Amino acid sequence: MSYRGIRLALAGPRRRLETPIGAVTLLLGFDAPIRISRAGRPPAELVSLYNGLTTTPALGEHSGRFAGVEVLLAPWAAFALFGTPQYELTNRSVDPDELPHLLGRGVGELAAALGSLPGWAERFGLVDDVLSRRMRAGGVASERVARAWSALRRSGGAMPVPRLADEVGWSVRQLENRFREQIGLGPKAAGRVLRLQRARRMLAQGRSQAETAALCGFYDQAHLSGEFKAMTGYAPGEFMAARAASAASPATADRVSGAATSLVLGANGRSAVFSKTGRGGVVQADHTAV
């Protein structure tokens, strides 16, 4: 679990492309709404939102004013908190108060409480308190699903599905069914997302496409390029070039540090990002644009 606080004060509207990551997003907004667009779905305009796992990019747009706390959750942990089968939320952005959950209060009410606090340390403290208490209370997530998800993440999405099933003592069919319920994607599709996330990280570190393809388990560079375009809308070189070109604007704070998750399509002005990973971490302030 990780979270960051965001407060934007830009001179005009901001558009940002978000690519698939291996986490569920719970955004606790306490300012203006954000408009989320993705192929095949009507746009959603929300102040707080819940994003299940995705396999396609999304476009986020707002007026230039935005504030909130963004929480990234392992999909099985999100299932434990919200209970909704995660396959119903794949490639969707919804109002979290439309979902059953174990947070003990409405998500909008929690977000408003965060907005009323004087600083980010106090906000992170409240998020810690609410989420840690509810996770300790226990949900219905399977321990085997959590183990399988951790193993798949550690492999960068490369672990074969039959081996993953053997790791947790399930048949492939059992693993696929429980993954769809509690992760949102089958293990093969989830592996694609994690593999591409690792590839974006390597490309951001300056590795070549050929080396990245080989290290991340793609058949070849063409396979990497095809997967990259399917899940981001860009070929690898186009995406990294666009990120480099946008560096003249205030820098982008990626949702997963170092993983090249985002692409600012137009921004100017000031913003601040405050981040914390896990419970008991150090609050850090990075004055970067988001």
Foldseek 3Di string as FASTA:
>chain_A
DKKKKKWWAFPWKWKKKFFFAQWKKWKLWDDAWKWKDDPPDDIDTGRIKIAATEQAMIMIMDGRGTTTMMDTHRLLLVCQFFVFFRLVRYPHIDQSQVTHGQQVDRSNVLSNVLVPDDDDVVSVVSVCVRSVVSVVVTGDRDPLLVVLSVVCLVLLLPDDQCVSCVVSVHGSVVQQVSCCRRRNHGSNSSSLNSLLLQLLLVVLVPDDLQVSCVSSPHPGSVRNQVSCCSGRVHGSVVLVVQQVVCVVAWHDCHPDPSRSRMGIPDTHDWMKMWIAGDPPGDIDIDGTDD
